[in-house]
Protein backbone atom coordinates (compact mmCIF):
# COMPACT_ATOMS: atom_id res chain seq x y z
CA MET A 1 29.51 -84.29 49.39
CA ARG A 2 31.12 -87.67 48.84
CA ILE A 3 33.07 -87.37 45.59
CA ALA A 4 35.16 -89.95 43.74
CA VAL A 5 37.52 -88.74 41.07
CA ILE A 6 38.63 -91.50 38.68
CA GLY A 7 41.99 -90.62 37.13
CA ALA A 8 44.84 -88.88 38.97
CA GLY A 9 46.38 -87.10 36.05
CA ALA A 10 46.67 -83.35 35.84
CA MET A 11 43.02 -82.44 35.70
CA GLY A 12 41.87 -85.23 38.07
CA SER A 13 44.42 -84.18 40.62
CA ILE A 14 43.51 -80.46 40.33
CA TYR A 15 39.83 -81.13 40.84
CA GLY A 16 40.30 -83.85 43.41
CA GLY A 17 42.78 -81.86 45.43
CA HIS A 18 40.77 -78.66 45.58
CA LEU A 19 37.44 -80.44 46.19
CA SER A 20 39.02 -82.27 49.15
CA GLN A 21 39.15 -79.00 51.08
CA HIS A 22 35.39 -79.19 51.96
CA ASN A 23 34.30 -82.63 50.67
CA ASP A 24 35.01 -86.27 51.34
CA VAL A 25 37.08 -86.97 48.20
CA LEU A 26 38.52 -90.28 46.98
CA LEU A 27 41.09 -90.14 44.19
CA VAL A 28 41.20 -93.38 42.20
CA ASP A 29 44.09 -94.37 39.88
CA THR A 30 45.60 -97.55 38.62
CA ASN A 31 49.16 -96.23 39.15
CA GLU A 32 50.18 -97.61 42.53
CA LYS A 33 53.09 -95.17 42.88
CA VAL A 34 50.80 -92.17 42.48
CA VAL A 35 48.29 -93.63 44.96
CA GLU A 36 51.02 -94.41 47.49
CA GLN A 37 52.50 -90.87 47.17
CA VAL A 38 49.19 -89.12 47.68
CA ALA A 39 48.05 -91.48 50.50
CA ASN A 40 51.30 -91.10 52.41
CA ASN A 41 52.47 -87.58 51.60
CA GLY A 42 49.49 -85.73 50.21
CA LEU A 43 48.80 -84.36 46.68
CA LEU A 44 51.05 -81.46 45.61
CA ILE A 45 49.67 -78.76 43.33
CA ASP A 46 51.81 -75.88 42.10
CA GLU A 47 49.71 -72.78 41.62
CA ASP A 48 50.22 -69.04 41.98
CA GLY A 49 53.95 -69.55 42.46
CA THR A 50 53.42 -71.80 45.53
CA THR A 51 53.28 -75.57 46.13
CA HIS A 52 50.15 -76.53 48.03
CA THR A 53 49.46 -79.87 49.70
CA TYR A 54 45.95 -81.39 49.64
CA HIS A 55 44.82 -84.61 51.31
CA PRO A 56 42.18 -86.51 49.36
CA GLY A 57 41.86 -90.23 49.98
CA ALA A 58 43.73 -92.29 47.35
CA VAL A 59 43.19 -95.88 46.28
CA SER A 60 43.89 -98.13 43.30
CA ASN A 61 41.12 -100.58 44.20
CA THR A 62 37.66 -99.45 45.23
CA LYS A 63 36.37 -102.82 46.36
CA GLY A 64 34.40 -102.34 49.56
CA GLN A 65 34.06 -98.57 49.07
CA GLU A 66 30.64 -96.99 49.68
CA PRO A 67 28.84 -95.43 46.64
CA ALA A 68 29.69 -91.79 46.02
CA ASP A 69 27.27 -88.89 45.59
CA LEU A 70 29.29 -87.81 42.53
CA VAL A 71 31.80 -89.74 40.41
CA ILE A 72 33.93 -87.55 38.14
CA LEU A 73 35.58 -89.27 35.18
CA PHE A 74 39.00 -87.81 34.31
CA VAL A 75 40.63 -90.64 32.45
CA LYS A 76 41.39 -90.48 28.67
CA ALA A 77 38.18 -91.28 26.88
CA LEU A 78 39.44 -94.58 25.45
CA PHE A 79 39.77 -95.91 29.01
CA SER A 80 36.36 -94.69 30.22
CA ARG A 81 34.52 -98.02 29.96
CA ALA A 82 37.26 -99.91 31.77
CA ALA A 83 37.40 -97.22 34.45
CA LEU A 84 33.71 -97.37 35.13
CA GLU A 85 33.50 -101.13 34.92
CA GLY A 86 36.40 -101.49 37.40
CA ASN A 87 34.80 -99.08 39.91
CA ARG A 88 31.12 -100.07 39.79
CA GLY A 89 30.97 -100.19 43.54
CA LEU A 90 31.25 -96.41 43.63
CA ILE A 91 28.03 -96.10 41.60
CA GLY A 92 24.84 -96.46 43.60
CA PRO A 93 21.21 -95.64 42.78
CA ASN A 94 21.64 -91.99 43.73
CA THR A 95 25.14 -91.48 42.26
CA ARG A 96 25.65 -88.87 39.58
CA LEU A 97 28.27 -89.44 36.89
CA MET A 98 30.13 -86.35 35.63
CA THR A 99 32.50 -85.96 32.70
CA LEU A 100 34.54 -82.92 31.74
CA GLN A 101 36.63 -84.98 29.24
CA ASN A 102 37.68 -83.70 25.84
CA GLY A 103 35.42 -84.45 22.89
CA ALA A 104 31.73 -85.17 22.73
CA GLY A 105 29.32 -88.07 23.02
CA HIS A 106 30.55 -89.34 26.37
CA GLU A 107 26.99 -89.54 27.62
CA ASP A 108 26.32 -92.54 25.34
CA LEU A 109 28.67 -94.60 27.53
CA LEU A 110 27.55 -93.09 30.86
CA LYS A 111 23.97 -94.10 30.11
CA GLU A 112 25.12 -97.74 30.46
CA PHE A 113 25.96 -97.13 34.13
CA VAL A 114 23.33 -94.60 35.41
CA ASP A 115 19.96 -93.24 34.32
CA GLU A 116 19.91 -90.26 31.94
CA ASP A 117 18.90 -87.92 34.71
CA HIS A 118 22.01 -88.79 36.76
CA ILE A 119 24.48 -87.66 34.09
CA VAL A 120 26.35 -84.36 34.21
CA ILE A 121 28.39 -83.27 31.22
CA GLY A 122 30.47 -80.18 30.62
CA THR A 123 33.74 -78.52 29.82
CA THR A 124 36.51 -76.95 31.84
CA GLU A 125 38.77 -74.02 31.08
CA ASP A 126 41.28 -75.09 33.75
CA ASN A 127 44.48 -76.68 32.52
CA GLY A 128 47.51 -78.36 34.13
CA ALA A 129 50.48 -80.66 33.69
CA VAL A 130 51.90 -83.59 35.62
CA LEU A 131 55.28 -82.76 37.25
CA GLY A 132 55.87 -86.06 39.06
CA MET A 133 54.17 -88.76 41.12
CA GLY A 134 51.35 -87.02 43.02
CA HIS A 135 52.61 -83.63 41.93
CA VAL A 136 50.92 -81.46 39.29
CA ARG A 137 50.93 -77.85 38.09
CA ARG A 138 47.72 -75.85 37.71
CA GLY A 139 48.56 -73.81 34.64
CA GLY A 140 45.40 -71.73 34.36
CA THR A 141 41.97 -71.33 35.75
CA GLY A 142 38.59 -70.59 34.18
CA VAL A 143 34.94 -71.52 34.11
CA THR A 144 33.68 -75.06 34.71
CA ASN A 145 30.61 -75.32 32.50
CA VAL A 146 28.03 -77.98 33.42
CA GLY A 147 24.62 -79.16 32.35
CA MET A 148 22.39 -82.18 32.18
CA LEU A 149 20.81 -84.16 29.37
CA VAL A 150 17.35 -83.72 30.84
CA GLU A 151 15.67 -81.37 33.29
CA ASP A 152 17.34 -81.23 36.66
CA LYS A 153 14.19 -81.97 38.64
CA GLU A 154 16.04 -82.82 41.87
CA GLY A 155 18.15 -79.60 41.81
CA PHE A 156 21.48 -81.35 41.82
CA LEU A 157 23.39 -78.79 39.76
CA PRO A 158 22.95 -75.94 42.25
CA GLN A 159 24.36 -78.24 44.92
CA LEU A 160 27.25 -79.14 42.70
CA LYS A 161 27.98 -75.50 41.99
CA GLU A 162 27.97 -74.62 45.71
CA ALA A 163 30.35 -77.47 46.52
CA PHE A 164 32.76 -76.66 43.68
CA ASP A 165 32.68 -72.83 44.10
CA GLN A 166 33.45 -73.23 47.81
CA CYS A 167 36.65 -74.96 46.74
CA GLY A 168 37.89 -72.35 44.38
CA PHE A 169 36.19 -73.26 41.12
CA ASN A 170 33.82 -71.13 39.03
CA VAL A 171 30.88 -73.26 37.96
CA LYS A 172 28.34 -72.01 35.39
CA ILE A 173 25.18 -73.99 34.85
CA HIS A 174 23.81 -74.21 31.29
CA GLU A 175 20.44 -75.29 30.02
CA ASN A 176 21.94 -76.43 26.72
CA ILE A 177 25.42 -77.61 27.55
CA GLN A 178 25.78 -79.36 24.21
CA THR A 179 26.26 -75.97 22.50
CA LEU A 180 29.36 -75.34 24.55
CA ILE A 181 30.70 -78.84 24.13
CA TRP A 182 30.41 -78.58 20.30
CA ASP A 183 31.87 -75.07 20.35
CA LYS A 184 34.97 -76.49 22.03
CA LEU A 185 34.90 -79.53 19.71
CA PHE A 186 35.38 -77.39 16.61
CA THR A 187 39.07 -76.69 17.32
CA ASN A 188 39.83 -80.25 18.27
CA VAL A 189 38.22 -81.88 15.21
CA SER A 190 39.87 -79.48 12.79
CA LEU A 191 43.08 -77.94 14.03
CA SER A 192 44.08 -80.67 16.53
CA ALA A 193 43.16 -83.58 14.27
CA LEU A 194 45.17 -82.22 11.39
CA THR A 195 48.26 -81.43 13.46
CA GLY A 196 48.15 -85.06 14.55
CA VAL A 197 47.94 -86.52 11.06
CA LEU A 198 50.46 -84.08 9.60
CA GLN A 199 52.68 -84.18 12.71
CA VAL A 200 53.16 -80.40 12.68
CA ASP A 201 52.90 -77.47 15.10
CA MET A 202 49.59 -75.67 15.41
CA GLY A 203 50.83 -72.64 13.49
CA TYR A 204 51.44 -74.67 10.32
CA ILE A 205 47.70 -75.20 9.71
CA ALA A 206 46.92 -71.54 9.17
CA ALA A 207 50.22 -70.83 7.37
CA ASN A 208 49.90 -73.58 4.73
CA GLU A 209 47.16 -73.15 2.11
CA TYR A 210 46.53 -76.91 1.68
CA ALA A 211 46.43 -77.60 5.38
CA TRP A 212 44.02 -74.65 5.85
CA ASP A 213 41.80 -75.92 3.03
CA LEU A 214 41.58 -79.27 4.78
CA CYS A 215 40.87 -77.57 8.08
CA CYS A 216 38.02 -75.52 6.51
CA GLN A 217 36.51 -78.74 5.10
CA LEU A 218 36.49 -80.32 8.52
CA ILE A 219 34.91 -77.23 10.04
CA HIS A 220 32.23 -77.16 7.32
CA GLU A 221 31.31 -80.82 7.90
CA THR A 222 31.15 -80.22 11.66
CA VAL A 223 28.90 -77.07 11.34
CA LYS A 224 26.50 -79.12 9.06
CA THR A 225 26.41 -81.97 11.56
CA ALA A 226 25.79 -79.68 14.49
CA ALA A 227 22.96 -78.00 12.61
CA ALA A 228 21.32 -81.38 11.94
CA ALA A 229 21.49 -81.95 15.70
CA GLY A 230 19.73 -78.61 16.34
CA LEU A 231 22.90 -76.63 17.24
CA ASN A 232 23.43 -73.67 15.00
CA PHE A 233 26.89 -72.01 14.58
CA ASP A 234 28.20 -69.24 12.36
CA GLU A 235 30.70 -71.09 10.14
CA GLU A 236 32.67 -67.92 9.31
CA LYS A 237 33.12 -67.12 12.99
CA VAL A 238 34.16 -70.68 13.76
CA ARG A 239 36.83 -70.53 10.96
CA GLU A 240 38.09 -67.24 12.35
CA LYS A 241 38.34 -68.60 15.85
CA VAL A 242 40.21 -71.75 14.72
CA LYS A 243 42.56 -69.71 12.51
CA ASN A 244 43.41 -67.35 15.38
CA THR A 245 44.14 -70.31 17.63
CA SER A 246 46.59 -71.57 15.00
CA ILE A 247 48.22 -68.17 14.46
CA ASN A 248 48.48 -67.35 18.20
CA ASN A 249 50.05 -70.74 19.04
CA PRO A 250 52.65 -71.18 16.31
CA ASN A 251 54.71 -73.76 18.21
CA GLY A 252 51.76 -75.41 19.99
CA CYS A 253 51.66 -79.20 20.18
CA THR A 254 48.19 -80.79 20.46
CA SER A 255 47.53 -83.89 22.52
CA ILE A 256 46.62 -85.92 19.36
CA ARG A 257 49.95 -84.96 17.76
CA ALA A 258 51.86 -85.86 20.97
CA ASP A 259 50.07 -89.17 21.37
CA LEU A 260 50.77 -90.25 17.82
CA ARG A 261 54.42 -89.01 18.02
CA ASP A 262 55.02 -90.96 21.21
CA GLY A 263 53.22 -94.13 20.16
CA ARG A 264 50.12 -93.78 22.38
CA ARG A 265 46.56 -94.35 21.49
CA THR A 266 44.52 -91.19 20.95
CA GLU A 267 41.10 -89.94 21.87
CA VAL A 268 40.12 -89.56 18.21
CA ASP A 269 36.98 -91.69 18.64
CA THR A 270 35.43 -89.08 20.99
CA ILE A 271 36.74 -86.17 18.96
CA SER A 272 36.54 -86.67 15.17
CA GLY A 273 34.68 -89.91 15.77
CA ALA A 274 31.94 -88.04 17.69
CA VAL A 275 31.25 -86.03 14.58
CA VAL A 276 31.14 -89.18 12.47
CA ARG A 277 28.65 -90.87 14.82
CA ALA A 278 26.42 -87.78 14.97
CA ALA A 279 26.61 -87.36 11.15
CA HIS A 280 25.54 -90.98 10.63
CA LYS A 281 22.65 -90.48 13.07
CA TYR A 282 21.31 -87.42 11.19
CA GLY A 283 22.23 -88.49 7.59
CA VAL A 284 25.01 -85.98 7.02
CA GLU A 285 28.03 -86.78 4.83
CA VAL A 286 31.36 -86.21 6.56
CA PRO A 287 34.04 -87.82 4.28
CA GLY A 288 36.83 -85.64 5.79
CA HIS A 289 36.16 -86.73 9.32
CA GLU A 290 35.77 -90.37 8.27
CA CYS A 291 39.19 -90.18 6.63
CA ILE A 292 40.82 -88.49 9.62
CA VAL A 293 39.57 -91.23 12.03
CA ARG A 294 40.92 -93.97 9.76
CA LEU A 295 44.27 -92.17 9.34
CA VAL A 296 44.71 -91.60 13.06
CA HIS A 297 43.95 -95.23 13.85
CA ALA A 298 46.33 -96.34 11.11
CA MET A 299 49.07 -94.14 12.61
CA GLU A 300 48.41 -95.61 16.11
CA GLY A 301 49.37 -98.98 14.71
CA ARG A 302 52.79 -97.99 13.50
CA ASN A 303 54.63 -98.93 16.67
CA LYS A 304 52.97 -102.27 17.27
């Protein structure tokens, strides 16, 4: 399979590197130093106590490149449109676009570039960290959950599963992938969003009664919105899951907190913002999420 991975951060590198073992993989990134390192010396991935070298192609400009069978988007969500616009040549009439990005609602953007039946969405339990230029660590492995917005009439997902599993991934195909995406979203829109606004460790949310009350309000609004979209969750179980995540990661630092702390833009529009857009669509009131989105964007502007 000809696969283009847009974004050579930790996750893009992990997937691009492993998939290059049995596929024609092109890693695309705007960082010239990363591209040069991978092109000249290979992509280094630390895993299982060993540093492995992989050899995907690497470019910063895809002009003249042939369309891919699959384009995987691994940039931060706020850069998705620019990434796809800048690499339109990789997208042909038979190309599938795939996202495993954090948050929800990414399909709304992908529909601007391919037909609905050429979109693959999902979640990944893998995680990693960037160690240097063209060098990442695979911190943990898990299931890659995938699904489509409509019926997979051409049987693409089994082909994707075979290609990924052959390269060391564990792909699970779901008929209703949105349920998993929203299940993962609960922690991000409550615990993660609050640690960002409050600039605290994850453990603080469960430990402080006021922070936990706010967290529960955000969970409640999300459960109501999901129900309006036809996705039913047990609110008590969701609260328990989020609380345990907070308790079990007392010193954890979420990406939203780190981005706001370090003066970077966040992915709040595809996290809390995804709940707000869905709520508006279905007529659900979500004042807590609306406030969080405004607060995060206000905080993003502090260093300008």
